[in-house]
Amino acid sequence: IVLILFALIFLFIKYSDVELTKKGVLLNAKTTEWKTSSYMGLDLSFEFYYNGKKMFGSNAFNDFRGNDAFVNRYFPVMYEPKLGSSKLLIEPSDFKKFDLPFPDSLKWVLGYLK
């Protein structure tokens, strides 16, 4: 049963990623804080608005985990309304996944990447 549960979670995550790439809406998000995640790591929490409604999300970023330079900043976020999944776009690889150019306004981030 545990194996089936993990398989279902894995499939949902993959499906969510595909839907985010196909049907995602590009919005602007404000980061709010680093929070302990359910996997015992640190996630960067953020908030954004979709159709006038405040939405919340969080993503892990290993290269600059816990760095306060990334809190209270604005970054693009890709949001898929049907599933409610979101992905904060900070690193060049994040933009590449969505075939988007890395913006000049985020070049300061490059100094924090390993």
PDB file of N, CA and C in Angstrom:
ATOM      1  N   ILE A   1       0.828  -1.190   0.000  1.00  0.00           N
ATOM      2  CA  ILE A   1       0.000   0.000   0.000  1.00  0.00           C
ATOM      3  C   ILE A   1       0.878   1.261   0.000  1.00  0.00           C
ATOM      4  N   VAL A   2       1.945   1.244   0.773  1.00  0.00           N
ATOM      5  CA  VAL A   2       2.834   2.402   0.843  1.00  0.00           C
ATOM      6  C   VAL A   2       3.466   2.660  -0.524  1.00  0.00           C
ATOM      7  N   LEU A   3       3.871   1.586  -1.206  1.00  0.00           N
ATOM      8  CA  LEU A   3       4.469   1.718  -2.536  1.00  0.00           C
ATOM      9  C   LEU A   3       3.478   2.316  -3.530  1.00  0.00           C
ATOM     10  N   ILE A   4       2.248   1.909  -3.456  1.00  0.00           N
ATOM     11  CA  ILE A   4       1.210   2.442  -4.344  1.00  0.00           C
ATOM     12  C   ILE A   4       0.985   3.926  -4.057  1.00  0.00           C
ATOM     13  N   LEU A   5       0.978   4.280  -2.785  1.00  0.00           N
ATOM     14  CA  LEU A   5       0.805   5.683  -2.401  1.00  0.00           C
ATOM     15  C   LEU A   5       1.943   6.541  -2.952  1.00  0.00           C
ATOM     16  N   PHE A   6       3.179   6.084  -2.799  1.00  0.00           N
ATOM     17  CA  PHE A   6       4.322   6.826  -3.342  1.00  0.00           C
ATOM     18  C   PHE A   6       4.251   6.935  -4.854  1.00  0.00           C
ATOM     19  N   ALA A   7       3.818   5.889  -5.512  1.00  0.00           N
ATOM     20  CA  ALA A   7       3.686   5.910  -6.971  1.00  0.00           C
ATOM     21  C   ALA A   7       2.633   6.932  -7.398  1.00  0.00           C
ATOM     22  N   LEU A   8       1.528   6.978  -6.688  1.00  0.00           N
ATOM     23  CA  LEU A   8       0.472   7.952  -6.999  1.00  0.00           C
ATOM     24  C   LEU A   8       0.945   9.387  -6.778  1.00  0.00           C
ATOM     25  N   ILE A   9       1.668   9.614  -5.705  1.00  0.00           N
ATOM     26  CA  ILE A   9       2.208  10.953  -5.437  1.00  0.00           C
ATOM     27  C   ILE A   9       3.187  11.351  -6.533  1.00  0.00           C
ATOM     28  N   PHE A  10       4.065  10.438  -6.920  1.00  0.00           N
ATOM     29  CA  PHE A  10       5.033  10.697  -7.984  1.00  0.00           C
ATOM     30  C   PHE A  10       4.321  11.041  -9.296  1.00  0.00           C
ATOM     31  N   LEU A  11       3.301  10.271  -9.645  1.00  0.00           N
ATOM     32  CA  LEU A  11       2.557  10.528 -10.879  1.00  0.00           C
ATOM     33  C   LEU A  11       1.841  11.876 -10.837  1.00  0.00           C
ATOM     34  N   PHE A  12       1.278  12.234  -9.689  1.00  0.00           N
ATOM     35  CA  PHE A  12       0.608  13.527  -9.563  1.00  0.00           C
ATOM     36  C   PHE A  12       1.603  14.675  -9.732  1.00  0.00           C
ATOM     37  N   ILE A  13       2.781  14.544  -9.139  1.00  0.00           N
ATOM     38  CA  ILE A  13       3.804  15.591  -9.267  1.00  0.00           C
ATOM     39  C   ILE A  13       4.228  15.738 -10.718  1.00  0.00           C
ATOM     40  N   LYS A  14       4.440  14.643 -11.404  1.00  0.00           N
ATOM     41  CA  LYS A  14       4.820  14.699 -12.821  1.00  0.00           C
ATOM     42  C   LYS A  14       3.697  15.322 -13.653  1.00  0.00           C
ATOM     43  N   TYR A  15       2.463  14.915 -13.406  1.00  0.00           N
ATOM     44  CA  TYR A  15       1.316  15.477 -14.118  1.00  0.00           C
ATOM     45  C   TYR A  15       1.211  16.978 -13.854  1.00  0.00           C
ATOM     46  N   SER A  16       1.404  17.368 -12.607  1.00  0.00           N
ATOM     47  CA  SER A  16       1.346  18.770 -12.224  1.00  0.00           C
ATOM     48  C   SER A  16       2.411  19.585 -12.961  1.00  0.00           C
ATOM     49  N   ASP A  17       3.627  19.047 -13.061  1.00  0.00           N
ATOM     50  CA  ASP A  17       4.709  19.730 -13.789  1.00  0.00           C
ATOM     51  C   ASP A  17       4.369  19.914 -15.255  1.00  0.00           C
ATOM     52  N   VAL A  18       3.802  18.893 -15.867  1.00  0.00           N
ATOM     53  CA  VAL A  18       3.421  18.968 -17.286  1.00  0.00           C
ATOM     54  C   VAL A  18       2.329  20.013 -17.482  1.00  0.00           C
ATOM     55  N   GLU A  19       1.324  20.003 -16.620  1.00  0.00           N
ATOM     56  CA  GLU A  19       0.232  20.967 -16.720  1.00  0.00           C
ATOM     57  C   GLU A  19       0.723  22.398 -16.482  1.00  0.00           C
ATOM     58  N   LEU A  20       1.641  22.556 -15.562  1.00  0.00           N
ATOM     59  CA  LEU A  20       2.206  23.875 -15.292  1.00  0.00           C
ATOM     60  C   LEU A  20       2.936  24.401 -16.524  1.00  0.00           C
ATOM     61  N   THR A  21       3.648  23.537 -17.201  1.00  0.00           N
ATOM     62  CA  THR A  21       4.365  23.928 -18.423  1.00  0.00           C
ATOM     63  C   THR A  21       3.393  24.247 -19.557  1.00  0.00           C
ATOM     64  N   LYS A  22       2.341  23.452 -19.698  1.00  0.00           N
ATOM     65  CA  LYS A  22       1.385  23.637 -20.793  1.00  0.00           C
ATOM     66  C   LYS A  22       0.413  24.794 -20.561  1.00  0.00           C
ATOM     67  N   LYS A  23      -0.123  24.887 -19.341  1.00  0.00           N
ATOM     68  CA  LYS A  23      -1.244  25.794 -19.081  1.00  0.00           C
ATOM     69  C   LYS A  23      -0.955  26.851 -18.022  1.00  0.00           C
ATOM     70  N   GLY A  24       0.311  26.977 -17.628  1.00  0.00           N
ATOM     71  CA  GLY A  24       0.664  27.917 -16.576  1.00  0.00           C
ATOM     72  C   GLY A  24       0.473  29.368 -16.992  1.00  0.00           C
ATOM     73  N   VAL A  25       0.160  30.189 -16.014  1.00  0.00           N
ATOM     74  CA  VAL A  25      -0.021  31.625 -16.193  1.00  0.00           C
ATOM     75  C   VAL A  25       1.139  32.313 -15.475  1.00  0.00           C
ATOM     76  N   LEU A  26       1.818  33.223 -16.164  1.00  0.00           N
ATOM     77  CA  LEU A  26       2.953  33.923 -15.567  1.00  0.00           C
ATOM     78  C   LEU A  26       2.453  35.131 -14.776  1.00  0.00           C
ATOM     79  N   LEU A  27       2.796  35.157 -13.483  1.00  0.00           N
ATOM     80  CA  LEU A  27       2.364  36.219 -12.573  1.00  0.00           C
ATOM     81  C   LEU A  27       3.570  36.741 -11.798  1.00  0.00           C
ATOM     82  N   ASN A  28       3.332  37.686 -10.915  1.00  0.00           N
ATOM     83  CA  ASN A  28       4.370  38.255 -10.079  1.00  0.00           C
ATOM     84  C   ASN A  28       4.109  37.850  -8.630  1.00  0.00           C
ATOM     85  N   ALA A  29       5.159  37.406  -7.931  1.00  0.00           N
ATOM     86  CA  ALA A  29       5.002  36.957  -6.546  1.00  0.00           C
ATOM     87  C   ALA A  29       5.980  37.687  -5.636  1.00  0.00           C
ATOM     88  N   LYS A  30       5.583  37.842  -4.388  1.00  0.00           N
ATOM     89  CA  LYS A  30       6.468  38.413  -3.370  1.00  0.00           C
ATOM     90  C   LYS A  30       6.851  37.306  -2.403  1.00  0.00           C
ATOM     91  N   THR A  31       8.155  37.144  -2.182  1.00  0.00           N
ATOM     92  CA  THR A  31       8.610  36.154  -1.215  1.00  0.00           C
ATOM     93  C   THR A  31       8.397  36.707   0.186  1.00  0.00           C
ATOM     94  N   THR A  32       8.086  35.822   1.123  1.00  0.00           N
ATOM     95  CA  THR A  32       7.729  36.276   2.464  1.00  0.00           C
ATOM     96  C   THR A  32       8.659  35.754   3.561  1.00  0.00           C
ATOM     97  N   GLU A  33       9.102  34.500   3.457  1.00  0.00           N
ATOM     98  CA  GLU A  33       9.963  33.930   4.500  1.00  0.00           C
ATOM     99  C   GLU A  33      10.451  32.545   4.085  1.00  0.00           C
ATOM    100  N   TRP A  34      11.473  32.089   4.800  1.00  0.00           N
ATOM    101  CA  TRP A  34      11.919  30.702   4.670  1.00  0.00           C
ATOM    102  C   TRP A  34      11.182  29.899   5.735  1.00  0.00           C
ATOM    103  N   LYS A  35      10.583  28.772   5.328  1.00  0.00           N
ATOM    104  CA  LYS A  35       9.828  27.924   6.254  1.00  0.00           C
ATOM    105  C   LYS A  35      10.331  26.495   6.165  1.00  0.00           C
ATOM    106  N   THR A  36      10.263  25.807   7.280  1.00  0.00           N
ATOM    107  CA  THR A  36      10.606  24.386   7.284  1.00  0.00           C
ATOM    108  C   THR A  36       9.564  23.639   6.473  1.00  0.00           C
ATOM    109  N   SER A  37      10.025  22.805   5.563  1.00  0.00           N
ATOM    110  CA  SER A  37       9.102  22.054   4.712  1.00  0.00           C
ATOM    111  C   SER A  37       8.774  20.713   5.338  1.00  0.00           C
ATOM    112  N   SER A  38       7.842  20.022   4.726  1.00  0.00           N
ATOM    113  CA  SER A  38       7.443  18.706   5.223  1.00  0.00           C
ATOM    114  C   SER A  38       8.555  17.673   5.033  1.00  0.00           C
ATOM    115  N   TYR A  39       9.542  18.017   4.202  1.00  0.00           N
ATOM    116  CA  TYR A  39      10.669  17.099   3.963  1.00  0.00           C
ATOM    117  C   TYR A  39      11.883  17.489   4.801  1.00  0.00           C
ATOM    118  N   MET A  40      11.663  18.312   5.841  1.00  0.00           N
ATOM    119  CA  MET A  40      12.706  18.737   6.768  1.00  0.00           C
ATOM    120  C   MET A  40      13.743  19.648   6.111  1.00  0.00           C
ATOM    121  N   GLY A  41      13.383  20.282   5.033  1.00  0.00           N
ATOM    122  CA  GLY A  41      14.249  21.257   4.387  1.00  0.00           C
ATOM    123  C   GLY A  41      13.688  22.645   4.615  1.00  0.00           C
ATOM    124  N   LEU A  42      14.218  23.613   3.888  1.00  0.00           N
ATOM    125  CA  LEU A  42      13.698  24.974   3.954  1.00  0.00           C
ATOM    126  C   LEU A  42      13.118  25.342   2.601  1.00  0.00           C
ATOM    127  N   ASP A  43      11.921  25.865   2.604  1.00  0.00           N
ATOM    128  CA  ASP A  43      11.263  26.331   1.389  1.00  0.00           C
ATOM    129  C   ASP A  43      11.090  27.841   1.468  1.00  0.00           C
ATOM    130  N   LEU A  44      11.202  28.481   0.315  1.00  0.00           N
ATOM    131  CA  LEU A  44      10.958  29.912   0.227  1.00  0.00           C
ATOM    132  C   LEU A  44       9.465  30.116  -0.023  1.00  0.00           C
ATOM    133  N   SER A  45       8.784  30.716   0.945  1.00  0.00           N
ATOM    134  CA  SER A  45       7.342  30.957   0.838  1.00  0.00           C
ATOM    135  C   SER A  45       7.098  32.240   0.059  1.00  0.00           C
ATOM    136  N   PHE A  46       5.970  32.266  -0.660  1.00  0.00           N
ATOM    137  CA  PHE A  46       5.639  33.440  -1.458  1.00  0.00           C
ATOM    138  C   PHE A  46       4.134  33.598  -1.555  1.00  0.00           C
ATOM    139  N   GLU A  47       3.729  34.799  -1.971  1.00  0.00           N
ATOM    140  CA  GLU A  47       2.318  35.081  -2.172  1.00  0.00           C
ATOM    141  C   GLU A  47       2.148  35.838  -3.481  1.00  0.00           C
ATOM    142  N   PHE A  48       0.984  35.637  -4.098  1.00  0.00           N
ATOM    143  CA  PHE A  48       0.681  36.306  -5.361  1.00  0.00           C
ATOM    144  C   PHE A  48      -0.834  36.378  -5.501  1.00  0.00           C
ATOM    145  N   TYR A  49      -1.273  37.144  -6.473  1.00  0.00           N
ATOM    146  CA  TYR A  49      -2.714  37.293  -6.704  1.00  0.00           C
ATOM    147  C   TYR A  49      -3.089  36.695  -8.054  1.00  0.00           C
ATOM    148  N   TYR A  50      -4.194  35.971  -8.048  1.00  0.00           N
ATOM    149  CA  TYR A  50      -4.759  35.428  -9.284  1.00  0.00           C
ATOM    150  C   TYR A  50      -6.250  35.757  -9.287  1.00  0.00           C
ATOM    151  N   ASN A  51      -6.688  36.502 -10.290  1.00  0.00           N
ATOM    152  CA  ASN A  51      -8.090  36.941 -10.382  1.00  0.00           C
ATOM    153  C   ASN A  51      -8.563  37.607  -9.092  1.00  0.00           C
ATOM    154  N   GLY A  52      -7.702  38.438  -8.513  1.00  0.00           N
ATOM    155  CA  GLY A  52      -8.064  39.186  -7.308  1.00  0.00           C
ATOM    156  C   GLY A  52      -7.985  38.400  -6.012  1.00  0.00           C
ATOM    157  N   LYS A  53      -7.637  37.112  -6.092  1.00  0.00           N
ATOM    158  CA  LYS A  53      -7.563  36.276  -4.897  1.00  0.00           C
ATOM    159  C   LYS A  53      -6.098  36.056  -4.508  1.00  0.00           C
ATOM    160  N   LYS A  54      -5.797  36.242  -3.234  1.00  0.00           N
ATOM    161  CA  LYS A  54      -4.444  36.037  -2.743  1.00  0.00           C
ATOM    162  C   LYS A  54      -4.146  34.549  -2.648  1.00  0.00           C
ATOM    163  N   MET A  55      -3.041  34.150  -3.276  1.00  0.00           N
ATOM    164  CA  MET A  55      -2.630  32.752  -3.304  1.00  0.00           C
ATOM    165  C   MET A  55      -1.282  32.624  -2.599  1.00  0.00           C
ATOM    166  N   PHE A  56      -0.980  31.430  -2.123  1.00  0.00           N
ATOM    167  CA  PHE A  56       0.271  31.185  -1.414  1.00  0.00           C
ATOM    168  C   PHE A  56       0.969  29.961  -1.991  1.00  0.00           C
ATOM    169  N   GLY A  57       2.282  29.953  -1.903  1.00  0.00           N
ATOM    170  CA  GLY A  57       3.049  28.806  -2.359  1.00  0.00           C
ATOM    171  C   GLY A  57       4.405  28.795  -1.688  1.00  0.00           C
ATOM    172  N   SER A  58       5.166  27.739  -1.942  1.00  0.00           N
ATOM    173  CA  SER A  58       6.545  27.650  -1.460  1.00  0.00           C
ATOM    174  C   SER A  58       7.297  26.660  -2.330  1.00  0.00           C
ATOM    175  N   ASN A  59       8.580  26.951  -2.535  1.00  0.00           N
ATOM    176  CA  ASN A  59       9.456  26.088  -3.324  1.00  0.00           C
ATOM    177  C   ASN A  59      10.816  26.001  -2.646  1.00  0.00           C
ATOM    178  N   ALA A  60      11.508  24.900  -2.867  1.00  0.00           N
ATOM    179  CA  ALA A  60      12.859  24.708  -2.336  1.00  0.00           C
ATOM    180  C   ALA A  60      13.888  25.247  -3.335  1.00  0.00           C
ATOM    181  N   PHE A  61      14.921  25.866  -2.809  1.00  0.00           N
ATOM    182  CA  PHE A  61      16.039  26.351  -3.615  1.00  0.00           C
ATOM    183  C   PHE A  61      17.317  26.042  -2.849  1.00  0.00           C
ATOM    184  N   ASN A  62      18.014  25.002  -3.245  1.00  0.00           N
ATOM    185  CA  ASN A  62      19.170  24.524  -2.487  1.00  0.00           C
ATOM    186  C   ASN A  62      20.368  25.467  -2.498  1.00  0.00           C
ATOM    187  N   ASP A  63      20.636  26.114  -3.622  1.00  0.00           N
ATOM    188  CA  ASP A  63      21.853  26.921  -3.727  1.00  0.00           C
ATOM    189  C   ASP A  63      21.883  28.113  -2.789  1.00  0.00           C
ATOM    190  N   PHE A  64      20.748  28.637  -2.424  1.00  0.00           N
ATOM    191  CA  PHE A  64      20.715  29.801  -1.544  1.00  0.00           C
ATOM    192  C   PHE A  64      19.719  29.623  -0.392  1.00  0.00           C
ATOM    193  N   ARG A  65      19.538  28.390   0.004  1.00  0.00           N
ATOM    194  CA  ARG A  65      18.591  28.038   1.068  1.00  0.00           C
ATOM    195  C   ARG A  65      18.845  28.861   2.335  1.00  0.00           C
ATOM    196  N   GLY A  66      17.788  29.480   2.853  1.00  0.00           N
ATOM    197  CA  GLY A  66      17.863  30.231   4.095  1.00  0.00           C
ATOM    198  C   GLY A  66      18.450  31.631   3.971  1.00  0.00           C
ATOM    199  N   ASN A  67      18.852  32.038   2.776  1.00  0.00           N
ATOM    200  CA  ASN A  67      19.480  33.347   2.590  1.00  0.00           C
ATOM    201  C   ASN A  67      18.418  34.450   2.597  1.00  0.00           C
ATOM    202  N   ASP A  68      18.554  35.370   3.532  1.00  0.00           N
ATOM    203  CA  ASP A  68      17.563  36.442   3.682  1.00  0.00           C
ATOM    204  C   ASP A  68      17.555  37.443   2.527  1.00  0.00           C
ATOM    205  N   ALA A  69      18.566  37.406   1.668  1.00  0.00           N
ATOM    206  CA  ALA A  69      18.586  38.298   0.501  1.00  0.00           C
ATOM    207  C   ALA A  69      17.427  37.985  -0.452  1.00  0.00           C
ATOM    208  N   PHE A  70      16.804  36.824  -0.296  1.00  0.00           N
ATOM    209  CA  PHE A  70      15.713  36.410  -1.180  1.00  0.00           C
ATOM    210  C   PHE A  70      14.328  36.625  -0.559  1.00  0.00           C
ATOM    211  N   VAL A  71      14.285  37.149   0.651  1.00  0.00           N
ATOM    212  CA  VAL A  71      13.017  37.404   1.338  1.00  0.00           C
ATOM    213  C   VAL A  71      12.578  38.850   1.075  1.00  0.00           C
ATOM    214  N   ASN A  72      11.269  39.037   0.916  1.00  0.00           N
ATOM    215  CA  ASN A  72      10.672  40.343   0.614  1.00  0.00           C
ATOM    216  C   ASN A  72      11.147  40.883  -0.744  1.00  0.00           C
ATOM    217  N   ARG A  73      11.262  39.984  -1.698  1.00  0.00           N
ATOM    218  CA  ARG A  73      11.627  40.332  -3.072  1.00  0.00           C
ATOM    219  C   ARG A  73      10.507  39.872  -3.996  1.00  0.00           C
ATOM    220  N   TYR A  74      10.506  40.439  -5.191  1.00  0.00           N
ATOM    221  CA  TYR A  74       9.514  40.053  -6.191  1.00  0.00           C
ATOM    222  C   TYR A  74      10.172  39.220  -7.285  1.00  0.00           C
ATOM    223  N   PHE A  75       9.509  38.113  -7.630  1.00  0.00           N
ATOM    224  CA  PHE A  75       9.975  37.204  -8.668  1.00  0.00           C
ATOM    225  C   PHE A  75       8.780  36.750  -9.499  1.00  0.00           C
ATOM    226  N   PRO A  76       9.014  36.364 -10.736  1.00  0.00           N
ATOM    227  CA  PRO A  76       7.931  35.767 -11.517  1.00  0.00           C
ATOM    228  C   PRO A  76       7.536  34.414 -10.914  1.00  0.00           C
ATOM    229  N   VAL A  77       6.278  34.069 -11.079  1.00  0.00           N
ATOM    230  CA  VAL A  77       5.792  32.769 -10.638  1.00  0.00           C
ATOM    231  C   VAL A  77       4.905  32.205 -11.755  1.00  0.00           C
ATOM    232  N   MET A  78       5.044  30.929 -12.027  1.00  0.00           N
ATOM    233  CA  MET A  78       4.170  30.246 -12.981  1.00  0.00           C
ATOM    234  C   MET A  78       3.101  29.546 -12.152  1.00  0.00           C
ATOM    235  N   TYR A  79       1.850  29.777 -12.503  1.00  0.00           N
ATOM    236  CA  TYR A  79       0.728  29.238 -11.728  1.00  0.00           C
ATOM    237  C   TYR A  79      -0.237  28.516 -12.651  1.00  0.00           C
ATOM    238  N   GLU A  80      -0.662  27.325 -12.249  1.00  0.00           N
ATOM    239  CA  GLU A  80      -1.639  26.540 -12.999  1.00  0.00           C
ATOM    240  C   GLU A  80      -2.922  26.508 -12.159  1.00  0.00           C
ATOM    241  N   PRO A  81      -3.936  27.281 -12.571  1.00  0.00           N
ATOM    242  CA  PRO A  81      -5.134  27.444 -11.742  1.00  0.00           C
ATOM    243  C   PRO A  81      -5.938  26.170 -11.466  1.00  0.00           C
ATOM    244  N   LYS A  82      -6.024  25.269 -12.431  1.00  0.00           N
ATOM    245  CA  LYS A  82      -6.851  24.069 -12.255  1.00  0.00           C
ATOM    246  C   LYS A  82      -6.334  23.196 -11.107  1.00  0.00           C
ATOM    247  N   LEU A  83      -5.021  22.983 -11.077  1.00  0.00           N
ATOM    248  CA  LEU A  83      -4.427  22.144 -10.033  1.00  0.00           C
ATOM    249  C   LEU A  83      -3.954  22.947  -8.828  1.00  0.00           C
ATOM    250  N   GLY A  84      -3.819  24.261  -9.008  1.00  0.00           N
ATOM    251  CA  GLY A  84      -3.329  25.100  -7.929  1.00  0.00           C
ATOM    252  C   GLY A  84      -1.836  24.992  -7.695  1.00  0.00           C
ATOM    253  N   SER A  85      -1.104  24.479  -8.678  1.00  0.00           N
ATOM    254  CA  SER A  85       0.346  24.343  -8.505  1.00  0.00           C
ATOM    255  C   SER A  85       1.055  25.609  -8.974  1.00  0.00           C
ATOM    256  N   SER A  86       2.196  25.889  -8.352  1.00  0.00           N
ATOM    257  CA  SER A  86       2.956  27.076  -8.702  1.00  0.00           C
ATOM    258  C   SER A  86       4.447  26.805  -8.595  1.00  0.00           C
ATOM    259  N   LYS A  87       5.223  27.573  -9.363  1.00  0.00           N
ATOM    260  CA  LYS A  87       6.678  27.448  -9.356  1.00  0.00           C
ATOM    261  C   LYS A  87       7.272  28.847  -9.443  1.00  0.00           C
ATOM    262  N   LEU A  88       8.021  29.211  -8.435  1.00  0.00           N
ATOM    263  CA  LEU A  88       8.706  30.489  -8.404  1.00  0.00           C
ATOM    264  C   LEU A  88       9.893  30.433  -9.363  1.00  0.00           C
ATOM    265  N   LEU A  89      10.067  31.450 -10.180  1.00  0.00           N
ATOM    266  CA  LEU A  89      11.146  31.479 -11.162  1.00  0.00           C
ATOM    267  C   LEU A  89      12.246  32.416 -10.658  1.00  0.00           C
ATOM    268  N   ILE A  90      13.363  31.836 -10.245  1.00  0.00           N
ATOM    269  CA  ILE A  90      14.473  32.619  -9.713  1.00  0.00           C
ATOM    270  C   ILE A  90      15.769  32.306 -10.461  1.00  0.00           C
ATOM    271  N   GLU A  91      16.086  31.031 -10.594  1.00  0.00           N
ATOM    272  CA  GLU A  91      17.333  30.611 -11.231  1.00  0.00           C
ATOM    273  C   GLU A  91      17.155  30.538 -12.748  1.00  0.00           C
ATOM    274  N   PRO A  92      18.242  30.692 -13.507  1.00  0.00           N
ATOM    275  CA  PRO A  92      18.139  30.567 -14.973  1.00  0.00           C
ATOM    276  C   PRO A  92      17.482  29.260 -15.415  1.00  0.00           C
ATOM    277  N   SER A  93      17.752  28.172 -14.703  1.00  0.00           N
ATOM    278  CA  SER A  93      17.163  26.874 -15.076  1.00  0.00           C
ATOM    279  C   SER A  93      15.641  26.882 -14.907  1.00  0.00           C
ATOM    280  N   ASP A  94      15.126  27.666 -13.957  1.00  0.00           N
ATOM    281  CA  ASP A  94      13.675  27.767 -13.772  1.00  0.00           C
ATOM    282  C   ASP A  94      13.031  28.374 -15.015  1.00  0.00           C
ATOM    283  N   PHE A  95      13.646  29.408 -15.556  1.00  0.00           N
ATOM    284  CA  PHE A  95      13.115  30.081 -16.741  1.00  0.00           C
ATOM    285  C   PHE A  95      13.228  29.172 -17.965  1.00  0.00           C
ATOM    286  N   LYS A  96      14.335  28.435 -18.043  1.00  0.00           N
ATOM    287  CA  LYS A  96      14.564  27.537 -19.184  1.00  0.00           C
ATOM    288  C   LYS A  96      13.480  26.472 -19.285  1.00  0.00           C
ATOM    289  N   LYS A  97      12.992  25.966 -18.149  1.00  0.00           N
ATOM    290  CA  LYS A  97      11.942  24.943 -18.138  1.00  0.00           C
ATOM    291  C   LYS A  97      10.678  25.418 -18.849  1.00  0.00           C
ATOM    292  N   PHE A  98      10.468  26.736 -18.849  1.00  0.00           N
ATOM    293  CA  PHE A  98       9.270  27.309 -19.460  1.00  0.00           C
ATOM    294  C   PHE A  98       9.579  28.061 -20.752  1.00  0.00           C
ATOM    295  N   ASP A  99      10.783  27.863 -21.274  1.00  0.00           N
ATOM    296  CA  ASP A  99      11.225  28.538 -22.505  1.00  0.00           C
ATOM    297  C   ASP A  99      11.094  30.055 -22.400  1.00  0.00           C
ATOM    298  N   LEU A 100      11.466  30.588 -21.250  1.00  0.00           N
ATOM    299  CA  LEU A 100      11.437  32.021 -21.017  1.00  0.00           C
ATOM    300  C   LEU A 100      12.866  32.544 -20.857  1.00  0.00           C
ATOM    301  N   PRO A 101      13.141  33.745 -21.344  1.00  0.00           N
ATOM    302  CA  PRO A 101      14.485  34.307 -21.162  1.00  0.00           C
ATOM    303  C   PRO A 101      14.701  34.715 -19.705  1.00  0.00           C
ATOM    304  N   PHE A 102      15.925  34.550 -19.244  1.00  0.00           N
ATOM    305  CA  PHE A 102      16.286  34.982 -17.898  1.00  0.00           C
ATOM    306  C   PHE A 102      16.384  36.506 -17.903  1.00  0.00           C
ATOM    307  N   PRO A 103      15.613  37.195 -17.040  1.00  0.00           N
ATOM    308  CA  PRO A 103      15.582  38.666 -17.091  1.00  0.00           C
ATOM    309  C   PRO A 103      16.841  39.320 -16.516  1.00  0.00           C
ATOM    310  N   ASP A 104      17.220  40.444 -17.106  1.00  0.00           N
ATOM    311  CA  ASP A 104      18.367  41.218 -16.615  1.00  0.00           C
ATOM    312  C   ASP A 104      18.168  41.650 -15.163  1.00  0.00           C
ATOM    313  N   SER A 105      16.934  41.899 -14.777  1.00  0.00           N
ATOM    314  CA  SER A 105      16.650  42.373 -13.423  1.00  0.00           C
ATOM    315  C   SER A 105      16.993  41.340 -12.344  1.00  0.00           C
ATOM    316  N   LEU A 106      17.204  40.085 -12.743  1.00  0.00           N
ATOM    317  CA  LEU A 106      17.542  39.042 -11.764  1.00  0.00           C
ATOM    318  C   LEU A 106      19.011  38.605 -11.838  1.00  0.00           C
ATOM    319  N   LYS A 107      19.819  39.335 -12.561  1.00  0.00           N
ATOM    320  CA  LYS A 107      21.238  38.942 -12.672  1.00  0.00           C
ATOM    321  C   LYS A 107      21.951  38.949 -11.319  1.00  0.00           C
ATOM    322  N   TRP A 108      21.441  39.695 -10.351  1.00  0.00           N
ATOM    323  CA  TRP A 108      22.040  39.711  -9.015  1.00  0.00           C
ATOM    324  C   TRP A 108      21.989  38.328  -8.366  1.00  0.00           C
ATOM    325  N   VAL A 109      21.003  37.508  -8.787  1.00  0.00           N
ATOM    326  CA  VAL A 109      20.834  36.157  -8.232  1.00  0.00           C
ATOM    327  C   VAL A 109      22.035  35.264  -8.578  1.00  0.00           C
ATOM    328  N   LEU A 110      22.639  35.490  -9.725  1.00  0.00           N
ATOM    329  CA  LEU A 110      23.716  34.627 -10.213  1.00  0.00           C
ATOM    330  C   LEU A 110      24.863  34.517  -9.225  1.00  0.00           C
ATOM    331  N   GLY A 111      25.127  35.565  -8.469  1.00  0.00           N
ATOM    332  CA  GLY A 111      26.199  35.543  -7.480  1.00  0.00           C
ATOM    333  C   GLY A 111      25.948  34.587  -6.319  1.00  0.00           C
ATOM    334  N   TYR A 112      24.724  34.147  -6.139  1.00  0.00           N
ATOM    335  CA  TYR A 112      24.362  33.235  -5.057  1.00  0.00           C
ATOM    336  C   TYR A 112      24.309  31.773  -5.499  1.00  0.00           C
ATOM    337  N   LEU A 113      24.426  31.528  -6.799  1.00  0.00           N
ATOM    338  CA  LEU A 113      24.323  30.158  -7.307  1.00  0.00           C
ATOM    339  C   LEU A 113      25.681  29.465  -7.255  1.00  0.00           C
ATOM    340  N   LYS A 114      25.638  28.187  -6.943  1.00  0.00           N
ATOM    341  CA  LYS A 114      26.891  27.398  -6.862  1.00  0.00           C
ATOM    342  C   LYS A 114      27.317  26.929  -8.230  1.00  0.00           C
TER     343      LYS A 114
END
